[in-house]
């Protein structure tokens, strides 16, 4: 019988909430309560906005190179098709360069995209300076996504 009472008392003591001083939770404490680590919110990690703006602009310039490569690929495909087309007499075409393709496709594509990228980078740095960091990253990323989409269309079309 004593073992049952002792076990029951032990179980009841485990179920009663106690504070850190060993007192019952409902009794007033003489010590002021301290906050525990579980109740405090963790400090947010510091954001590296300058790094994020730099990475977004670098990706945008990389997308310009990918788009220029897509233009060169399409131009090369046009030259290949031009060489393989038969002439009016049934012989391979000896008048190269009349079917299409650009002479310097990288120069042509980069001449269009690099000034736009510089303008977007300038806008991005200005927004970063004014502490509009979300927009400072959003503009280069949206430009890069448009350029990569355009490059995908150029790769898919081949000779355009």
Protein backbone atom coordinates (compact mmCIF):
# COMPACT_ATOMS: atom_id res chain seq x y z
CA UNK A 1 0.00 0.00 0.00
CA UNK A 2 2.86 2.40 0.82
CA UNK A 3 4.43 1.80 -2.58
CA UNK A 4 1.17 2.72 -4.32
CA UNK A 5 0.83 5.96 -2.34
CA UNK A 6 4.46 6.84 -2.97
CA UNK A 7 4.10 6.20 -6.73
CA UNK A 8 0.85 8.19 -6.86
CA UNK A 9 2.43 11.11 -4.97
CA UNK A 10 5.42 11.05 -7.32
CA UNK A 11 3.12 11.15 -10.38
CA UNK A 12 1.10 14.04 -8.93
CA UNK A 13 4.30 15.99 -8.20
CA UNK A 14 5.41 15.54 -11.79
CA UNK A 15 2.12 16.93 -13.08
CA UNK A 16 2.10 20.09 -10.91
CA UNK A 17 3.83 22.97 -12.75
CA UNK A 18 6.74 24.56 -10.92
CA UNK A 19 8.76 27.66 -11.77
CA UNK A 20 12.55 27.79 -11.80
CA UNK A 21 12.78 28.28 -8.01
CA UNK A 22 10.94 25.05 -7.25
CA UNK A 23 7.80 26.77 -5.99
CA UNK A 24 4.29 25.96 -7.11
CA UNK A 25 3.29 28.04 -10.15
CA UNK A 26 0.25 29.59 -8.42
CA UNK A 27 2.10 30.87 -5.36
CA UNK A 28 3.51 34.38 -5.57
CA UNK A 29 7.23 34.52 -6.10
CA UNK A 30 9.52 36.89 -4.27
CA UNK A 31 11.88 37.11 -7.24
CA UNK A 32 10.87 39.09 -10.37
CA UNK A 33 10.11 36.92 -13.35
CA UNK A 34 12.70 36.83 -16.12
CA UNK A 35 11.94 36.26 -19.75
CA UNK A 36 12.99 32.95 -21.12
CA UNK A 37 14.65 32.45 -24.48
CA UNK A 38 11.59 30.62 -25.77
CA UNK A 39 9.36 33.69 -25.44
CA UNK A 40 11.71 36.13 -27.15
CA UNK A 41 11.67 36.36 -30.91
CA UNK A 42 14.98 35.57 -32.57
CA UNK A 43 16.81 38.51 -34.07
CA UNK A 44 16.44 38.69 -37.85
CA UNK A 45 19.51 37.93 -39.90
CA UNK A 46 21.12 40.99 -41.43
CA UNK A 47 20.37 41.41 -45.11
CA UNK A 48 23.18 42.19 -47.50
CA UNK A 49 21.39 44.59 -49.81
CA UNK A 50 24.52 45.78 -51.60
CA UNK A 51 25.46 42.19 -52.40
CA UNK A 52 21.93 41.44 -53.64
CA UNK A 53 21.91 44.49 -55.93
CA UNK A 54 25.35 43.55 -57.29
CA UNK A 55 24.27 39.96 -57.97
CA UNK A 56 21.04 41.07 -59.68
CA UNK A 57 22.92 43.46 -61.98
CA UNK A 58 25.56 40.83 -62.78
CA UNK A 59 22.85 38.36 -63.73
CA UNK A 60 21.29 41.01 -65.97
CA UNK A 61 24.56 41.59 -67.85
CA UNK A 62 25.02 37.81 -68.13
CA UNK A 63 21.55 37.56 -69.64
CA UNK A 64 22.62 40.13 -72.26
CA UNK A 65 25.50 37.87 -73.27
CA UNK A 66 23.15 34.86 -73.45
CA UNK A 67 20.78 36.83 -75.68
CA UNK A 68 23.66 37.92 -77.93
CA UNK A 69 24.76 34.28 -78.20
CA UNK A 70 21.21 33.33 -79.19
CA UNK A 71 21.28 35.98 -81.93
CA UNK A 72 24.62 34.64 -83.19
CA UNK A 73 23.21 31.10 -83.17
CA UNK A 74 20.22 32.19 -85.27
CA UNK A 75 22.46 34.13 -87.65
CA UNK A 76 24.71 31.09 -88.09
CA UNK A 77 21.67 28.92 -88.80
CA UNK A 78 20.62 31.33 -91.56
CA UNK A 79 24.08 31.14 -93.13
CA UNK A 80 23.99 27.34 -93.02
CA UNK A 81 20.57 27.29 -94.68
CA UNK A 82 21.82 29.76 -97.30
CA UNK A 83 24.72 27.49 -98.21
CA UNK A 84 22.55 24.41 -98.49
CA UNK A 85 19.83 25.90 -100.69
CA UNK A 86 20.15 24.94 -104.35
CA UNK A 87 20.47 27.66 -106.94
CA UNK A 88 18.07 28.03 -109.85
CA UNK A 89 20.18 25.62 -111.91
CA UNK A 90 20.21 22.86 -109.29
CA UNK A 91 23.79 23.44 -108.12
CA UNK A 92 24.70 24.46 -104.58
CA UNK A 93 24.39 28.19 -104.07
CA UNK A 94 27.71 29.92 -104.69
CA UNK A 95 26.36 33.41 -103.91
CA UNK A 96 26.82 33.26 -100.17
CA UNK A 97 25.45 35.97 -97.93
CA UNK A 98 22.21 36.62 -99.77
CA UNK A 99 19.99 34.39 -97.66
CA UNK A 100 20.27 36.06 -94.27
CA UNK A 101 22.28 36.25 -91.11
CA UNK A 102 24.16 39.16 -89.66
CA UNK A 103 27.81 39.91 -90.26
CA UNK A 104 28.63 40.67 -86.61
CA UNK A 105 25.69 39.34 -84.59
CA UNK A 106 27.28 39.80 -81.15
CA UNK A 107 28.10 43.45 -81.89
CA UNK A 108 24.58 44.09 -83.16
CA UNK A 109 22.81 42.50 -80.17
CA UNK A 110 25.10 43.97 -77.53
CA UNK A 111 24.84 47.42 -79.14
CA UNK A 112 21.13 47.30 -78.29
CA UNK A 113 21.13 45.64 -74.86
CA UNK A 114 24.19 47.11 -73.12
CA UNK A 115 22.91 50.75 -73.07
CA UNK A 116 19.61 49.51 -71.68
CA UNK A 117 21.42 47.47 -69.04
CA UNK A 118 23.53 50.46 -68.04
CA UNK A 119 20.37 52.54 -67.65
CA UNK A 120 18.72 49.88 -65.52
CA UNK A 121 21.89 49.53 -63.41
CA UNK A 122 21.96 53.28 -62.85
CA UNK A 123 18.31 53.22 -61.80
CA UNK A 124 19.00 50.24 -59.54
CA UNK A 125 21.92 51.98 -57.81
CA UNK A 126 19.86 55.15 -57.38
CA UNK A 127 17.01 53.16 -55.80
CA UNK A 128 19.51 51.36 -53.56
CA UNK A 129 20.90 54.71 -52.44
CA UNK A 130 17.35 55.88 -51.61
CA UNK A 131 16.83 52.63 -49.59
CA UNK A 132 14.25 51.14 -51.97
CA UNK A 133 16.11 47.85 -51.96
CA UNK A 134 13.26 45.69 -53.24
CA UNK A 135 12.89 47.80 -56.36
CA UNK A 136 16.67 48.00 -56.72
CA UNK A 137 16.72 44.22 -57.15
CA UNK A 138 13.39 43.90 -58.98
CA UNK A 139 14.31 45.99 -62.04
CA UNK A 140 17.50 44.09 -62.99
CA UNK A 141 15.88 40.72 -62.32
CA UNK A 142 12.85 41.55 -64.48
CA UNK A 143 15.15 42.76 -67.27
CA UNK A 144 17.19 39.56 -67.04
CA UNK A 145 14.06 37.41 -67.19
CA UNK A 146 12.88 39.27 -70.30
CA UNK A 147 16.27 38.85 -71.97
CA UNK A 148 16.46 35.14 -71.17
CA UNK A 149 12.92 34.66 -72.50
CA UNK A 150 13.91 36.45 -75.70
CA UNK A 151 17.02 34.29 -75.98
CA UNK A 152 14.90 31.16 -75.60
CA UNK A 153 12.68 32.28 -78.46
CA UNK A 154 15.73 33.00 -80.63
CA UNK A 155 17.27 29.62 -79.85
CA UNK A 156 13.99 27.90 -80.64
CA UNK A 157 13.44 29.72 -83.91
CA UNK A 158 16.89 29.01 -85.35
CA UNK A 159 17.08 31.17 -88.46
CA UNK A 160 14.86 34.20 -87.87
